[in-house]
Amino acid sequence: MPSKNPLADGLLEVADVLLKQRGRPIFVQAALRRSISTAYYAVFHTLCQVCGDGFRLWTLGGDERRLAVFLLFDPKNPVREKRP
C-alpha cells in the first residue's frame, strides 16, 4: 500500500540509517541525536498530514491552507496566541 506521506517515510528511513552508525562513541551519540530529531520531524509532518486530511485541506488545494496547518503547530510562530 502506497504511503500517504512519502516525506515522513523518507525521514524515517534516514533516521533508521543514522541509528546504524558505528565508530567513535562521540559520532555514534551525534548520529543518535540526529536520528531522534529526524524521527520527530517525521511525526510532525504526519501530524500535519492527519490534521490537513481532517480539514480536507489537501483535497481542496491551496498552498496557503497547507501552510496554515504547519504554522498552527510551529511553536516559534509569532502569530500563535500566547496563553498565560
N, C-alpha and C. Protein backbone atom coordinates (compact mmCIF):
# COMPACT_ATOMS: atom_id res chain seq x y z
N MET A 1 0.84 -1.18 0.00
CA MET A 1 0.00 0.00 0.00
C MET A 1 0.89 1.25 0.00
N PRO A 2 0.66 2.14 -0.97
CA PRO A 2 1.49 3.35 -1.01
C PRO A 2 1.21 4.26 0.18
N SER A 3 2.24 4.92 0.62
CA SER A 3 2.12 5.81 1.77
C SER A 3 1.41 7.10 1.39
N LYS A 4 0.69 7.67 2.35
CA LYS A 4 0.06 8.96 2.14
C LYS A 4 1.05 10.10 2.38
N ASN A 5 2.16 9.77 3.01
CA ASN A 5 3.12 10.81 3.35
C ASN A 5 4.54 10.33 3.04
N PRO A 6 4.94 10.44 1.77
CA PRO A 6 6.28 9.95 1.40
C PRO A 6 7.41 10.73 2.08
N LEU A 7 7.17 12.00 2.42
CA LEU A 7 8.21 12.76 3.12
C LEU A 7 8.50 12.16 4.48
N ALA A 8 7.46 11.83 5.22
CA ALA A 8 7.64 11.23 6.55
C ALA A 8 8.31 9.87 6.42
N ASP A 9 7.93 9.10 5.41
CA ASP A 9 8.58 7.80 5.19
C ASP A 9 10.07 7.97 4.92
N GLY A 10 10.41 8.95 4.11
CA GLY A 10 11.82 9.20 3.82
C GLY A 10 12.58 9.62 5.06
N LEU A 11 11.96 10.47 5.88
CA LEU A 11 12.62 10.89 7.12
C LEU A 11 12.85 9.71 8.05
N LEU A 12 11.88 8.81 8.13
CA LEU A 12 12.06 7.63 8.98
C LEU A 12 13.16 6.71 8.46
N GLU A 13 13.29 6.62 7.14
CA GLU A 13 14.39 5.82 6.56
C GLU A 13 15.74 6.43 6.93
N VAL A 14 15.84 7.75 6.85
CA VAL A 14 17.08 8.43 7.23
C VAL A 14 17.37 8.21 8.71
N ALA A 15 16.34 8.31 9.54
CA ALA A 15 16.53 8.08 10.98
C ALA A 15 17.04 6.67 11.24
N ASP A 16 16.52 5.70 10.50
CA ASP A 16 16.97 4.32 10.66
C ASP A 16 18.43 4.16 10.26
N VAL A 17 18.83 4.79 9.17
CA VAL A 17 20.23 4.73 8.73
C VAL A 17 21.14 5.37 9.78
N LEU A 18 20.71 6.49 10.33
CA LEU A 18 21.52 7.16 11.36
C LEU A 18 21.68 6.30 12.60
N LEU A 19 20.65 5.52 12.94
CA LEU A 19 20.74 4.65 14.12
C LEU A 19 21.79 3.56 13.95
N LYS A 20 22.08 3.20 12.72
CA LYS A 20 23.02 2.11 12.46
C LYS A 20 24.47 2.59 12.33
N GLN A 21 24.71 3.87 12.60
CA GLN A 21 26.06 4.40 12.51
C GLN A 21 26.96 3.75 13.55
N ARG A 22 28.16 3.45 13.16
CA ARG A 22 29.16 2.88 14.06
C ARG A 22 30.43 3.72 13.99
N GLY A 23 31.26 3.57 14.99
CA GLY A 23 32.51 4.31 15.02
C GLY A 23 32.79 4.81 16.41
N ARG A 24 33.45 5.94 16.48
CA ARG A 24 33.79 6.52 17.77
C ARG A 24 32.52 6.89 18.53
N PRO A 25 32.53 6.71 19.85
CA PRO A 25 31.32 6.98 20.65
C PRO A 25 30.73 8.37 20.44
N ILE A 26 31.59 9.37 20.26
CA ILE A 26 31.07 10.73 20.08
C ILE A 26 30.27 10.84 18.78
N PHE A 27 30.70 10.12 17.73
CA PHE A 27 29.97 10.14 16.46
C PHE A 27 28.68 9.34 16.56
N VAL A 28 28.71 8.26 17.31
CA VAL A 28 27.51 7.44 17.49
C VAL A 28 26.46 8.24 18.26
N GLN A 29 26.88 8.97 19.28
CA GLN A 29 25.94 9.80 20.05
C GLN A 29 25.35 10.91 19.18
N ALA A 30 26.17 11.54 18.35
CA ALA A 30 25.67 12.58 17.46
C ALA A 30 24.67 12.00 16.46
N ALA A 31 24.97 10.81 15.93
CA ALA A 31 24.06 10.16 14.98
C ALA A 31 22.74 9.80 15.67
N LEU A 32 22.82 9.38 16.93
CA LEU A 32 21.61 9.06 17.68
C LEU A 32 20.75 10.30 17.87
N ARG A 33 21.37 11.42 18.22
CA ARG A 33 20.61 12.68 18.38
C ARG A 33 19.97 13.10 17.06
N ARG A 34 20.72 12.99 15.98
CA ARG A 34 20.16 13.35 14.66
C ARG A 34 19.03 12.41 14.27
N SER A 35 19.16 11.13 14.62
CA SER A 35 18.11 10.16 14.32
C SER A 35 16.82 10.51 15.06
N ILE A 36 16.94 10.85 16.32
CA ILE A 36 15.76 11.22 17.11
C ILE A 36 15.12 12.48 16.55
N SER A 37 15.93 13.46 16.20
CA SER A 37 15.42 14.70 15.64
C SER A 37 14.71 14.45 14.30
N THR A 38 15.30 13.61 13.48
CA THR A 38 14.70 13.29 12.18
C THR A 38 13.38 12.55 12.36
N ALA A 39 13.33 11.63 13.30
CA ALA A 39 12.08 10.91 13.58
C ALA A 39 11.02 11.88 14.10
N TYR A 40 11.43 12.86 14.90
CA TYR A 40 10.49 13.88 15.39
C TYR A 40 9.86 14.63 14.21
N TYR A 41 10.68 15.01 13.24
CA TYR A 41 10.14 15.73 12.09
C TYR A 41 9.20 14.85 11.27
N ALA A 42 9.47 13.57 11.22
CA ALA A 42 8.55 12.65 10.53
C ALA A 42 7.20 12.64 11.24
N VAL A 43 7.22 12.61 12.57
CA VAL A 43 5.97 12.66 13.34
C VAL A 43 5.26 13.99 13.10
N PHE A 44 6.01 15.09 13.08
CA PHE A 44 5.44 16.41 12.84
C PHE A 44 4.74 16.46 11.49
N HIS A 45 5.39 15.98 10.45
CA HIS A 45 4.79 16.00 9.11
C HIS A 45 3.58 15.08 9.03
N THR A 46 3.63 13.97 9.72
CA THR A 46 2.47 13.07 9.75
C THR A 46 1.31 13.72 10.48
N LEU A 47 1.59 14.39 11.59
CA LEU A 47 0.54 15.09 12.33
C LEU A 47 -0.11 16.17 11.46
N CYS A 48 0.70 16.92 10.76
CA CYS A 48 0.16 17.94 9.86
C CYS A 48 -0.67 17.31 8.75
N GLN A 49 -0.22 16.18 8.24
CA GLN A 49 -0.97 15.47 7.20
C GLN A 49 -2.33 15.03 7.74
N VAL A 50 -2.35 14.46 8.94
CA VAL A 50 -3.60 13.99 9.54
C VAL A 50 -4.55 15.17 9.77
N CYS A 51 -4.02 16.28 10.28
CA CYS A 51 -4.88 17.45 10.51
C CYS A 51 -5.39 18.02 9.19
N GLY A 52 -4.53 18.06 8.21
CA GLY A 52 -4.95 18.53 6.90
C GLY A 52 -6.02 17.64 6.29
N ASP A 53 -5.88 16.34 6.48
CA ASP A 53 -6.91 15.42 5.99
C ASP A 53 -8.22 15.64 6.74
N GLY A 54 -8.12 15.89 8.04
CA GLY A 54 -9.32 16.12 8.83
C GLY A 54 -10.08 17.36 8.39
N PHE A 55 -9.34 18.37 7.96
CA PHE A 55 -9.98 19.60 7.48
C PHE A 55 -10.16 19.60 5.97
N ARG A 56 -9.80 18.49 5.33
CA ARG A 56 -9.90 18.32 3.88
C ARG A 56 -9.09 19.37 3.12
N LEU A 57 -7.99 19.81 3.71
CA LEU A 57 -7.19 20.85 3.07
C LEU A 57 -6.42 20.34 1.87
N TRP A 58 -6.02 19.08 1.91
CA TRP A 58 -5.20 18.57 0.81
C TRP A 58 -6.06 18.37 -0.44
N THR A 59 -7.31 18.00 -0.26
CA THR A 59 -8.16 17.78 -1.43
C THR A 59 -8.73 19.08 -1.97
N LEU A 60 -8.87 20.09 -1.11
CA LEU A 60 -9.40 21.38 -1.56
C LEU A 60 -8.34 22.22 -2.27
N GLY A 61 -7.08 21.91 -2.02
CA GLY A 61 -5.99 22.65 -2.65
C GLY A 61 -5.69 23.95 -1.93
N GLY A 62 -4.72 24.64 -2.44
CA GLY A 62 -4.35 25.93 -1.86
C GLY A 62 -3.17 25.81 -0.93
N ASP A 63 -2.02 26.31 -1.37
CA ASP A 63 -0.81 26.24 -0.55
C ASP A 63 -0.95 27.02 0.75
N GLU A 64 -1.71 28.12 0.71
CA GLU A 64 -1.85 28.92 1.94
C GLU A 64 -2.60 28.14 3.01
N ARG A 65 -3.51 27.26 2.63
CA ARG A 65 -4.22 26.44 3.61
C ARG A 65 -3.28 25.39 4.21
N ARG A 66 -2.46 24.81 3.37
CA ARG A 66 -1.49 23.83 3.87
C ARG A 66 -0.50 24.50 4.82
N LEU A 67 -0.06 25.67 4.44
CA LEU A 67 0.87 26.41 5.28
C LEU A 67 0.25 26.73 6.64
N ALA A 68 -1.04 27.04 6.64
CA ALA A 68 -1.73 27.36 7.89
C ALA A 68 -1.67 26.18 8.86
N VAL A 69 -1.78 24.95 8.35
CA VAL A 69 -1.72 23.77 9.23
C VAL A 69 -0.32 23.66 9.83
N PHE A 70 0.71 23.84 9.02
CA PHE A 70 2.07 23.74 9.54
C PHE A 70 2.36 24.85 10.54
N LEU A 71 1.88 26.05 10.29
CA LEU A 71 2.11 27.16 11.22
C LEU A 71 1.35 26.97 12.52
N LEU A 72 0.24 26.27 12.47
CA LEU A 72 -0.54 26.00 13.67
C LEU A 72 0.28 25.23 14.69
N PHE A 73 1.16 24.35 14.22
CA PHE A 73 1.96 23.52 15.11
C PHE A 73 3.37 24.06 15.34
N ASP A 74 3.69 25.19 14.74
CA ASP A 74 5.03 25.76 14.89
C ASP A 74 5.11 26.57 16.17
N PRO A 75 5.89 26.13 17.16
CA PRO A 75 5.96 26.86 18.43
C PRO A 75 6.61 28.23 18.31
N LYS A 76 7.35 28.47 17.24
CA LYS A 76 8.03 29.76 17.06
C LYS A 76 7.20 30.73 16.22
N ASN A 77 6.01 30.35 15.84
CA ASN A 77 5.16 31.19 15.02
C ASN A 77 4.69 32.39 15.84
N PRO A 78 5.03 33.62 15.44
CA PRO A 78 4.63 34.78 16.22
C PRO A 78 3.13 35.06 16.16
N VAL A 79 2.44 34.46 15.22
CA VAL A 79 1.01 34.69 15.07
C VAL A 79 0.21 33.89 16.09
N ARG A 80 0.81 32.79 16.58
CA ARG A 80 0.09 31.97 17.56
C ARG A 80 -0.25 32.78 18.80
N GLU A 81 -1.42 32.54 19.31
CA GLU A 81 -1.86 33.24 20.51
C GLU A 81 -1.09 32.71 21.72
N LYS A 82 -0.53 33.61 22.49
CA LYS A 82 0.19 33.23 23.70
C LYS A 82 -0.81 33.09 24.84
N ARG A 83 -0.73 31.98 25.53
CA ARG A 83 -1.63 31.76 26.67
C ARG A 83 -0.84 31.94 27.96
N PRO A 84 -1.48 32.56 28.96
CA PRO A 84 -0.77 32.79 30.24
C PRO A 84 -0.52 31.53 31.01
